[in-house]
Amino acid sequence: MARQTAAITLMTAAATLAPTTLRAQTWTLRQCIDRAVEYNIGIQQKDKTVKRQLLALEDATNRRLPNLDAGVSQNFSFGRGLTSSNTYTNTSTGTTSFSLGTSVPVFTGMNIPNTIKLNKLNLEAVTADLEKARNDVSMQVAQAYVQILFDMEIADMAHRNVAIDSMQTARMEALMAAGKVGEAEVAQQRAALGQSRLSETQAINNLKTSLLTLSQLLELPTAVGFSVAAPSVETISPEASFSVSPDVVFSEAIAVKPEVRAEQSRLSGTERSISIARSALYPQLSLSAGLGTNYYKTSGVPAEGFSDQLKNNFGQYIGINLNIPIFNRFQTRNSIRAAKIDRDIQQMQLDNVKKTLYKEIQQVCCNVDAAVSKYAGCKAAAESSDAAFRLTTAKYENGMANITEFNEAKFNWLKAESDLVQARYEYLYQRSLLDFYRGKSLDF
């Protein structure tokens, strides 16, 4: 009984010797996502695209406003030229003119209203693209975050394995000193300890690589001192009865996913593009007005003073311009046809995005079901491995099992415990991903 109690104490001590550095409470998943979204270059580029489209919308809206142009010209004529008295003479003439004019579009075949609506739809599309970029980065961060959690568990298992082997090696050496075991058994245990330390080194290196990957996604200058906070998994208990239809999730996703909204906006934009192309079939009506004056000076001919001429020559005008399209080499017809083709292409693009989204949701639903099944299997395996290790340890302490059997039982126990935690993480990630497709924030 004393040896069995010592064996149980050995297991308990090894289970509590996980390295605290691997569990450092520093960056949560929410903090990682917020940091990555803020500093990601691709997202910043998308944000600039949104601002540029805002300017394009403002330009389209301002086309309704009148323009205003001012002009000043100075001309010199040599030879026969027009004088200020509206006669011609063979002498040098100088003319100074001032003008101010404006024009206002009255009817453009609905080109301006449709262009404004098109730019509004384009703004909606690029805004959705920006949201999609943020979602993509969030998913990349979540994947890297979960990989770190997996590697932390593997490193934790490797550390506990080293702790058990270290204590077991010390015990074997003490027994050899007392003459109760041979040198061969001690050498075999030392070899097992060396292999455990090698596995621990590999696990720590993998963890460092995972931390570096996530730190790069966060645009951190270095991964030194960077660690993540492991969520509590003890309260995670996947429901064996949990099941959700991909069709239900898809019906919710198409209403909230930005990639779908972006393509739908672009499809609506193609309809506006067709209307814009058709506007060239209609007459264009504009209103123009202006005022001007000039000063004449003919060489050798007396002329009124500069201010008097500007006053006397001052005039105004107002006009209505109507441009009626008759034949432009079928350019308008082909523009309409091209716009309709663009609409068909965009419809296919929208259908493709929806199909891709449905396939992704199908995969996530399948992964959730698999995670539930895996958790149930890992839980049963962990319970069996724990009982088997306790029994094998007791037998080994009493000389009824050899070192190979002990190490195998120990490895199976540690791996089963680690697999159970990883199964919880996998379920937590896949379930959060499923909620993410339904419009919820990605967090756990």
Protein backbone atom coordinates (compact mmCIF):
# COMPACT_ATOMS: atom_id res chain seq x y z
CA MET A 1 0.00 0.00 0.00
CA ALA A 2 2.87 2.37 0.78
CA ARG A 3 4.34 1.80 -2.68
CA GLN A 4 0.94 2.37 -4.32
CA THR A 5 0.54 5.59 -2.33
CA ALA A 6 4.01 6.68 -3.45
CA ALA A 7 3.12 5.93 -7.07
CA ILE A 8 -0.05 8.04 -6.85
CA THR A 9 1.97 10.84 -5.24
CA LEU A 10 4.44 10.62 -8.14
CA MET A 11 1.63 11.04 -10.67
CA THR A 12 0.12 13.96 -8.76
CA ALA A 13 3.44 15.75 -8.46
CA ALA A 14 4.21 15.29 -12.17
CA ALA A 15 0.79 16.64 -13.14
CA THR A 16 1.45 19.86 -11.23
CA LEU A 17 4.93 20.49 -12.59
CA ALA A 18 3.86 22.13 -15.87
CA PRO A 19 6.12 25.09 -16.74
CA THR A 20 4.45 28.34 -15.73
CA THR A 21 6.04 30.21 -18.63
CA LEU A 22 3.81 28.32 -21.05
CA ARG A 23 0.71 29.53 -19.21
CA ALA A 24 1.63 33.22 -19.02
CA GLN A 25 -1.54 35.31 -18.92
CA THR A 26 -0.65 38.01 -21.41
CA TRP A 27 -2.54 38.22 -24.74
CA THR A 28 -6.11 37.02 -25.04
CA LEU A 29 -7.59 36.12 -28.40
CA ARG A 30 -9.63 39.34 -28.42
CA GLN A 31 -6.51 41.41 -27.78
CA CYS A 32 -4.65 39.58 -30.55
CA ILE A 33 -7.44 40.15 -33.06
CA ASP A 34 -7.77 43.83 -32.17
CA ARG A 35 -4.03 44.35 -32.53
CA ALA A 36 -3.81 42.51 -35.86
CA VAL A 37 -6.78 44.39 -37.32
CA GLU A 38 -5.29 47.72 -36.29
CA TYR A 39 -1.81 47.16 -37.71
CA ASN A 40 -2.43 44.90 -40.71
CA ILE A 41 -1.18 46.55 -43.92
CA GLY A 42 -3.81 44.88 -46.10
CA ILE A 43 -6.61 46.25 -43.93
CA GLN A 44 -5.07 49.72 -44.03
CA GLN A 45 -5.01 49.52 -47.83
CA LYS A 46 -8.68 48.55 -47.88
CA ASP A 47 -9.45 51.50 -45.63
CA LYS A 48 -7.71 53.83 -48.09
CA THR A 49 -9.81 52.33 -50.88
CA VAL A 50 -12.97 53.20 -48.93
CA LYS A 51 -11.80 56.79 -48.50
CA ARG A 52 -10.99 57.04 -52.19
CA GLN A 53 -14.46 55.77 -53.10
CA LEU A 54 -15.96 58.42 -50.82
CA LEU A 55 -14.20 61.03 -52.93
CA ALA A 56 -15.52 59.40 -56.11
CA LEU A 57 -19.06 59.61 -54.72
CA GLU A 58 -18.54 63.27 -53.86
CA ASP A 59 -17.31 63.96 -57.40
CA ALA A 60 -20.37 62.23 -58.87
CA THR A 61 -22.71 64.25 -56.65
CA ASN A 62 -20.97 67.52 -57.53
CA ARG A 63 -21.68 66.98 -61.24
CA ARG A 64 -25.13 68.47 -60.55
CA LEU A 65 -23.55 71.81 -59.66
CA PRO A 66 -22.87 74.57 -62.19
CA ASN A 67 -19.29 75.24 -63.19
CA LEU A 68 -17.71 78.68 -63.31
CA ASP A 69 -14.80 79.70 -65.54
CA ALA A 70 -12.99 82.99 -65.90
CA GLY A 71 -10.73 83.90 -68.80
CA VAL A 72 -8.29 86.60 -69.79
CA SER A 73 -6.68 86.78 -73.23
CA GLN A 74 -4.28 89.10 -75.00
CA ASN A 75 -3.97 88.96 -78.80
CA PHE A 76 -1.76 90.84 -81.25
CA SER A 77 -2.58 90.97 -84.98
CA PHE A 78 -0.21 92.07 -87.70
CA GLY A 79 -1.44 93.13 -91.13
CA ARG A 80 -5.11 93.48 -91.88
CA GLY A 81 -7.09 93.42 -88.65
CA LEU A 82 -10.35 94.45 -86.98
CA THR A 83 -10.40 97.75 -85.16
CA SER A 84 -12.49 98.89 -82.23
CA SER A 85 -14.92 100.60 -84.66
CA ASN A 86 -15.54 97.25 -86.33
CA THR A 87 -13.62 98.17 -89.49
CA TYR A 88 -10.59 96.52 -90.99
CA THR A 89 -7.25 98.19 -91.53
CA ASN A 90 -3.79 97.13 -92.56
CA THR A 91 -2.01 97.83 -89.32
CA SER A 92 -1.10 96.12 -86.07
CA THR A 93 -3.94 95.54 -83.63
CA GLY A 94 -3.97 94.55 -79.96
CA THR A 95 -6.97 93.03 -78.18
CA THR A 96 -7.43 92.40 -74.48
CA SER A 97 -10.48 90.31 -73.47
CA PHE A 98 -12.07 89.35 -70.15
CA SER A 99 -14.80 86.71 -69.75
CA LEU A 100 -16.74 84.86 -67.05
CA GLY A 101 -19.02 81.95 -67.94
CA THR A 102 -21.02 79.13 -66.40
CA SER A 103 -22.97 76.09 -67.55
CA VAL A 104 -25.49 73.87 -65.79
CA PRO A 105 -26.56 70.36 -66.89
CA VAL A 106 -30.35 70.28 -67.19
CA PHE A 107 -30.97 66.79 -68.57
CA THR A 108 -28.31 64.13 -69.14
CA GLY A 109 -30.47 61.11 -69.88
CA MET A 110 -30.37 60.23 -66.14
CA ASN A 111 -26.60 59.80 -66.41
CA ILE A 112 -25.80 61.86 -63.32
CA PRO A 113 -28.40 60.26 -60.95
CA ASN A 114 -27.37 56.77 -62.05
CA THR A 115 -23.69 57.60 -61.67
CA ILE A 116 -24.35 58.79 -58.12
CA LYS A 117 -26.23 55.58 -57.30
CA LEU A 118 -23.45 53.50 -58.87
CA ASN A 119 -20.84 55.20 -56.70
CA LYS A 120 -22.97 54.64 -53.60
CA LEU A 121 -23.13 50.93 -54.43
CA ASN A 122 -19.39 50.88 -55.07
CA LEU A 123 -18.88 52.47 -51.65
CA GLU A 124 -21.02 49.77 -50.06
CA ALA A 125 -18.96 47.12 -51.87
CA VAL A 126 -15.53 48.41 -50.80
CA THR A 127 -16.81 48.94 -47.25
CA ALA A 128 -17.87 45.28 -47.20
CA ASP A 129 -14.45 44.37 -48.64
CA LEU A 130 -12.85 46.15 -45.69
CA GLU A 131 -15.01 44.15 -43.28
CA LYS A 132 -14.12 40.95 -45.14
CA ALA A 133 -10.41 41.76 -44.79
CA ARG A 134 -10.88 42.23 -41.05
CA ASN A 135 -12.71 38.90 -40.81
CA ASP A 136 -9.96 37.12 -42.76
CA VAL A 137 -7.27 38.48 -40.46
CA SER A 138 -9.38 37.52 -37.43
CA MET A 139 -9.62 33.94 -38.68
CA GLN A 140 -5.87 33.79 -39.36
CA VAL A 141 -5.17 35.02 -35.84
CA ALA A 142 -7.62 32.53 -34.33
CA GLN A 143 -6.02 29.64 -36.24
CA ALA A 144 -2.53 30.69 -35.11
CA TYR A 145 -3.83 31.16 -31.56
CA VAL A 146 -5.31 27.65 -31.43
CA GLN A 147 -2.09 26.21 -32.87
CA ILE A 148 -0.22 27.80 -29.96
CA LEU A 149 -2.68 26.23 -27.53
CA PHE A 150 -2.09 22.84 -29.14
CA ASP A 151 1.67 23.28 -28.97
CA MET A 152 1.41 24.42 -25.36
CA GLU A 153 -0.35 21.17 -24.49
CA ILE A 154 2.27 19.10 -26.29
CA ALA A 155 5.05 21.00 -24.53
CA ASP A 156 3.22 20.55 -21.24
CA MET A 157 2.97 16.80 -21.84
CA ALA A 158 6.67 16.67 -22.72
CA HIS A 159 7.58 18.55 -19.55
CA ARG A 160 5.51 16.26 -17.36
CA ASN A 161 7.07 13.29 -19.11
CA VAL A 162 10.53 14.62 -18.23
CA ALA A 163 9.41 15.24 -14.64
CA ILE A 164 8.19 11.65 -14.24
CA ASP A 165 11.27 10.17 -15.89
CA SER A 166 13.57 12.36 -13.79
CA MET A 167 11.94 11.23 -10.56
CA GLN A 168 11.88 7.64 -11.77
CA THR A 169 15.57 7.77 -12.75
CA ALA A 170 16.49 9.13 -9.33
CA ARG A 171 14.48 6.34 -7.73
CA MET A 172 16.16 3.67 -9.89
CA GLU A 173 19.61 5.01 -9.07
CA ALA A 174 18.78 4.85 -5.37
CA LEU A 175 17.57 1.27 -5.77
CA MET A 176 20.75 0.36 -7.69
CA ALA A 177 22.84 1.84 -4.88
CA ALA A 178 20.91 -0.38 -2.48
CA GLY A 179 21.54 -3.38 -4.73
CA LYS A 180 17.88 -3.97 -5.56
CA VAL A 181 18.05 -3.37 -9.35
CA GLY A 182 20.73 -3.92 -11.94
CA GLU A 183 22.69 -1.36 -13.96
CA ALA A 184 20.90 -2.40 -17.14
CA GLU A 185 17.53 -1.25 -15.80
CA VAL A 186 19.04 2.05 -14.71
CA ALA A 187 20.63 2.56 -18.12
CA GLN A 188 17.31 1.86 -19.79
CA GLN A 189 15.60 4.42 -17.57
CA ARG A 190 18.31 6.99 -18.30
CA ALA A 191 17.80 6.41 -22.01
CA ALA A 192 14.07 7.00 -21.56
CA LEU A 193 14.86 10.25 -19.72
CA GLY A 194 17.15 11.36 -22.56
CA GLN A 195 14.44 10.67 -25.12
CA SER A 196 11.92 12.58 -23.02
CA ARG A 197 14.23 15.60 -22.85
CA LEU A 198 14.72 15.49 -26.62
CA SER A 199 10.94 15.43 -27.13
CA GLU A 200 10.62 18.34 -24.70
CA THR A 201 13.16 20.37 -26.66
CA GLN A 202 11.35 19.70 -29.94
CA ALA A 203 8.00 20.63 -28.38
CA ILE A 204 9.38 23.89 -27.00
CA ASN A 205 10.89 24.76 -30.39
CA ASN A 206 7.53 24.11 -32.08
CA LEU A 207 5.85 26.35 -29.52
CA LYS A 208 8.37 29.11 -30.16
CA THR A 209 7.69 28.86 -33.90
CA SER A 210 3.94 29.12 -33.31
CA LEU A 211 4.42 32.15 -31.08
CA LEU A 212 6.59 33.76 -33.74
CA THR A 213 3.93 33.15 -36.39
CA LEU A 214 1.24 34.83 -34.31
CA SER A 215 3.50 37.71 -33.30
CA GLN A 216 4.17 38.38 -36.98
CA LEU A 217 0.44 38.46 -37.68
CA LEU A 218 0.16 41.02 -34.90
CA GLU A 219 3.01 43.06 -36.47
CA LEU A 220 4.97 42.87 -33.23
CA PRO A 221 8.65 43.83 -33.54
CA THR A 222 9.76 40.64 -31.78
CA ALA A 223 8.31 37.47 -30.28
CA VAL A 224 10.52 37.74 -27.19
CA GLY A 225 8.32 37.80 -24.10
CA PHE A 226 5.18 37.19 -26.15
CA SER A 227 2.73 34.58 -24.85
CA VAL A 228 -0.98 33.93 -25.00
CA ALA A 229 -3.63 33.28 -22.40
CA ALA A 230 -5.05 29.78 -22.47
CA PRO A 231 -8.83 29.78 -21.98
CA SER A 232 -10.29 27.65 -19.24
CA VAL A 233 -11.25 24.30 -20.74
CA GLU A 234 -12.56 22.60 -17.61
CA THR A 235 -16.01 24.11 -18.17
CA ILE A 236 -16.09 23.10 -21.84
CA SER A 237 -18.28 20.05 -22.21
CA PRO A 238 -19.29 19.37 -25.83
CA GLU A 239 -22.85 18.20 -26.14
CA ALA A 240 -23.15 14.83 -27.81
CA SER A 241 -26.59 15.82 -29.05
CA PHE A 242 -25.42 19.10 -30.57
CA SER A 243 -26.19 19.30 -34.27
CA VAL A 244 -26.88 22.14 -36.67
CA SER A 245 -27.90 22.09 -40.30
CA PRO A 246 -25.58 23.81 -42.80
CA ASP A 247 -28.68 25.18 -44.53
CA VAL A 248 -29.76 26.98 -41.36
CA VAL A 249 -26.33 28.51 -40.85
CA PHE A 250 -26.08 29.45 -44.53
CA SER A 251 -29.44 31.24 -44.48
CA GLU A 252 -28.11 33.38 -41.63
CA ALA A 253 -24.65 33.83 -43.12
CA ILE A 254 -25.73 35.23 -46.50
CA ALA A 255 -27.49 38.06 -44.66
CA VAL A 256 -24.44 39.11 -42.64
CA LYS A 257 -21.26 37.98 -44.37
CA PRO A 258 -19.49 40.95 -45.97
CA GLU A 259 -18.24 39.03 -49.02
CA VAL A 260 -21.85 38.32 -50.02
CA ARG A 261 -22.93 41.92 -49.42
CA ALA A 262 -19.99 43.20 -51.47
CA GLU A 263 -20.86 41.10 -54.51
CA GLN A 264 -24.56 41.92 -54.21
CA SER A 265 -23.72 45.63 -54.22
CA ARG A 266 -21.53 45.16 -57.27
CA LEU A 267 -24.34 43.27 -59.01
CA SER A 268 -26.72 46.16 -58.33
CA GLY A 269 -24.00 48.46 -59.62
CA THR A 270 -23.95 46.65 -62.97
CA GLU A 271 -27.63 47.50 -63.39
CA ARG A 272 -26.74 51.15 -62.90
CA SER A 273 -23.93 50.80 -65.41
CA ILE A 274 -26.45 49.61 -67.99
CA SER A 275 -28.60 52.67 -67.30
CA ILE A 276 -25.55 54.91 -67.61
CA ALA A 277 -24.70 53.37 -70.97
CA ARG A 278 -28.30 53.89 -72.13
CA SER A 279 -28.19 57.56 -71.17
CA ALA A 280 -26.11 58.19 -74.31
CA LEU A 281 -29.24 57.41 -76.37
CA TYR A 282 -31.07 60.48 -75.03
CA PRO A 283 -30.59 64.17 -75.89
CA GLN A 284 -28.36 66.16 -73.58
CA LEU A 285 -29.67 69.58 -72.47
CA SER A 286 -27.58 72.21 -70.71
CA LEU A 287 -27.91 75.88 -69.81
CA SER A 288 -25.03 78.32 -70.24
CA ALA A 289 -24.52 81.96 -69.34
CA GLY A 290 -21.69 84.41 -69.17
CA LEU A 291 -20.40 87.97 -69.48
CA GLY A 292 -17.36 89.57 -71.03
CA THR A 293 -15.66 92.71 -72.27
CA ASN A 294 -12.60 93.68 -74.29
CA TYR A 295 -10.17 96.42 -75.14
CA TYR A 296 -8.95 97.24 -78.71
CA LYS A 297 -5.85 99.18 -79.65
CA THR A 298 -4.96 99.73 -83.31
CA SER A 299 -1.50 101.10 -84.04
CA GLY A 300 -1.65 104.68 -85.28
CA VAL A 301 -5.43 105.02 -84.73
CA PRO A 302 -6.85 106.99 -81.80
CA ALA A 303 -8.87 104.81 -79.37
CA GLU A 304 -10.96 105.26 -76.28
CA GLY A 305 -9.32 104.78 -72.94
CA PHE A 306 -8.93 101.34 -71.35
CA SER A 307 -11.65 101.77 -68.71
CA ASP A 308 -14.05 103.38 -71.15
CA GLN A 309 -13.70 100.51 -73.60
CA LEU A 310 -14.18 97.91 -70.86
CA LYS A 311 -17.37 99.69 -69.85
CA ASN A 312 -18.69 100.26 -73.36
CA ASN A 313 -17.80 96.74 -74.63
CA PHE A 314 -19.31 94.91 -71.64
CA GLY A 315 -21.86 92.26 -72.70
CA GLN A 316 -23.77 89.26 -71.37
CA TYR A 317 -25.17 86.11 -72.88
CA ILE A 318 -27.43 83.22 -71.94
CA GLY A 319 -28.04 80.11 -73.97
CA ILE A 320 -29.59 76.67 -74.03
CA ASN A 321 -27.64 73.87 -75.66
CA LEU A 322 -29.33 70.70 -76.91
CA ASN A 323 -27.23 67.84 -78.20
CA ILE A 324 -29.18 65.11 -80.01
CA PRO A 325 -27.30 61.84 -80.66
CA ILE A 326 -27.97 60.41 -84.11
CA PHE A 327 -25.14 58.07 -85.02
CA ASN A 328 -21.88 57.43 -83.14
CA ARG A 329 -20.56 54.35 -84.93
CA PHE A 330 -22.58 51.95 -82.70
CA GLN A 331 -20.53 52.91 -79.64
CA THR A 332 -23.61 53.32 -77.45
CA ARG A 333 -25.11 50.03 -78.57
CA ASN A 334 -21.88 48.16 -77.82
CA SER A 335 -21.50 49.93 -74.47
CA ILE A 336 -24.96 48.69 -73.46
CA ARG A 337 -24.13 45.16 -74.57
CA ALA A 338 -20.82 45.23 -72.68
CA ALA A 339 -22.58 46.46 -69.53
CA LYS A 340 -25.07 43.57 -69.76
CA ILE A 341 -22.21 41.09 -70.12
CA ASP A 342 -20.59 42.60 -67.03
CA ARG A 343 -23.87 42.08 -65.19
CA ASP A 344 -23.94 38.39 -66.15
CA ILE A 345 -20.31 37.98 -65.05
CA GLN A 346 -21.04 39.63 -61.72
CA GLN A 347 -24.07 37.39 -61.19
CA MET A 348 -21.78 34.39 -61.66
CA GLN A 349 -19.31 35.89 -59.20
CA LEU A 350 -22.06 36.30 -56.60
CA ASP A 351 -23.22 32.71 -57.15
CA ASN A 352 -19.64 31.49 -56.78
CA VAL A 353 -19.16 33.38 -53.52
CA LYS A 354 -22.36 31.87 -52.14
CA LYS A 355 -21.30 28.37 -53.19
CA THR A 356 -17.89 28.82 -51.58
CA LEU A 357 -19.49 30.10 -48.40
CA TYR A 358 -21.89 27.15 -48.28
CA LYS A 359 -18.99 24.69 -48.70
CA GLU A 360 -17.08 26.40 -45.89
CA ILE A 361 -20.12 26.19 -43.62
CA GLN A 362 -20.59 22.52 -44.51
CA GLN A 363 -16.98 21.86 -43.55
CA VAL A 364 -17.29 23.72 -40.25
CA CYS A 365 -20.49 21.87 -39.35
CA CYS A 366 -18.74 18.61 -40.13
CA ASN A 367 -15.75 19.68 -38.03
CA VAL A 368 -18.01 20.51 -35.09
CA ASP A 369 -19.63 17.06 -35.25
CA ALA A 370 -16.18 15.47 -35.51
CA ALA A 371 -14.93 17.52 -32.55
CA VAL A 372 -17.85 16.33 -30.42
CA SER A 373 -17.13 12.70 -31.33
CA LYS A 374 -13.40 13.18 -30.79
CA TYR A 375 -13.98 14.67 -27.36
CA ALA A 376 -16.12 11.70 -26.31
CA GLY A 377 -13.44 9.30 -27.50
CA CYS A 378 -10.61 11.24 -25.86
CA LYS A 379 -12.52 11.43 -22.58
CA ALA A 380 -13.01 7.66 -22.50
CA ALA A 381 -9.37 7.11 -23.49
CA ALA A 382 -8.15 9.47 -20.77
CA GLU A 383 -10.14 7.66 -18.10
CA SER A 384 -8.89 4.27 -19.29
CA SER A 385 -5.27 5.45 -19.58
CA ASP A 386 -5.37 6.98 -16.12
CA ALA A 387 -6.58 3.71 -14.59
CA ALA A 388 -4.07 1.70 -16.61
CA PHE A 389 -1.16 3.92 -15.57
CA ARG A 390 -2.11 3.73 -11.91
CA LEU A 391 -2.30 -0.06 -12.13
CA THR A 392 0.96 -0.39 -14.09
CA THR A 393 2.74 1.95 -11.68
CA ALA A 394 1.62 -0.15 -8.73
CA LYS A 395 2.73 -3.34 -10.50
CA TYR A 396 6.07 -1.76 -11.41
CA GLU A 397 6.63 -0.68 -7.82
CA ASN A 398 6.05 -4.28 -6.74
CA GLY A 399 8.29 -5.76 -9.44
CA MET A 400 5.42 -7.21 -11.44
CA ALA A 401 5.97 -4.98 -14.52
CA ASN A 402 9.14 -4.00 -16.33
CA ILE A 403 10.41 -0.56 -17.26
CA THR A 404 9.14 -0.84 -20.83
CA GLU A 405 5.59 -1.49 -19.67
CA PHE A 406 5.81 1.37 -17.21
CA ASN A 407 7.05 3.85 -19.85
CA GLU A 408 4.41 2.77 -22.32
CA ALA A 409 1.63 3.18 -19.76
CA LYS A 410 3.06 6.54 -18.71
CA PHE A 411 3.22 7.79 -22.31
CA ASN A 412 -0.33 6.62 -23.04
CA TRP A 413 -1.62 8.39 -19.93
CA LEU A 414 0.11 11.68 -20.69
CA LYS A 415 -0.93 11.60 -24.34
CA ALA A 416 -4.54 10.79 -23.46
CA GLU A 417 -4.67 13.72 -21.04
CA SER A 418 -3.15 16.06 -23.64
CA ASP A 419 -5.47 14.78 -26.38
CA LEU A 420 -8.47 15.46 -24.16
CA VAL A 421 -7.46 19.09 -23.65
CA GLN A 422 -6.71 19.50 -27.34
CA ALA A 423 -10.11 18.01 -28.20
CA ARG A 424 -11.73 20.64 -26.01
CA TYR A 425 -9.75 23.38 -27.76
CA GLU A 426 -10.70 21.98 -31.15
CA TYR A 427 -14.37 21.94 -30.24
CA LEU A 428 -14.15 25.44 -28.79
CA TYR A 429 -12.51 26.76 -31.97
CA GLN A 430 -14.88 25.04 -34.40
CA ARG A 431 -17.96 26.05 -32.40
CA SER A 432 -16.73 29.67 -32.26
CA LEU A 433 -16.06 29.54 -36.00
CA LEU A 434 -19.60 28.31 -36.60
CA ASP A 435 -20.99 31.22 -34.58
CA PHE A 436 -18.66 33.54 -36.52
CA TYR A 437 -20.33 32.51 -39.77
CA ARG A 438 -23.67 33.39 -38.17
CA GLY A 439 -22.54 36.95 -37.53
CA LYS A 440 -21.10 36.76 -34.01
CA SER A 441 -17.63 37.99 -33.06
CA LEU A 442 -14.81 35.47 -33.11
CA ASP A 443 -13.77 35.02 -29.49
CA PHE A 444 -13.36 32.38 -26.81
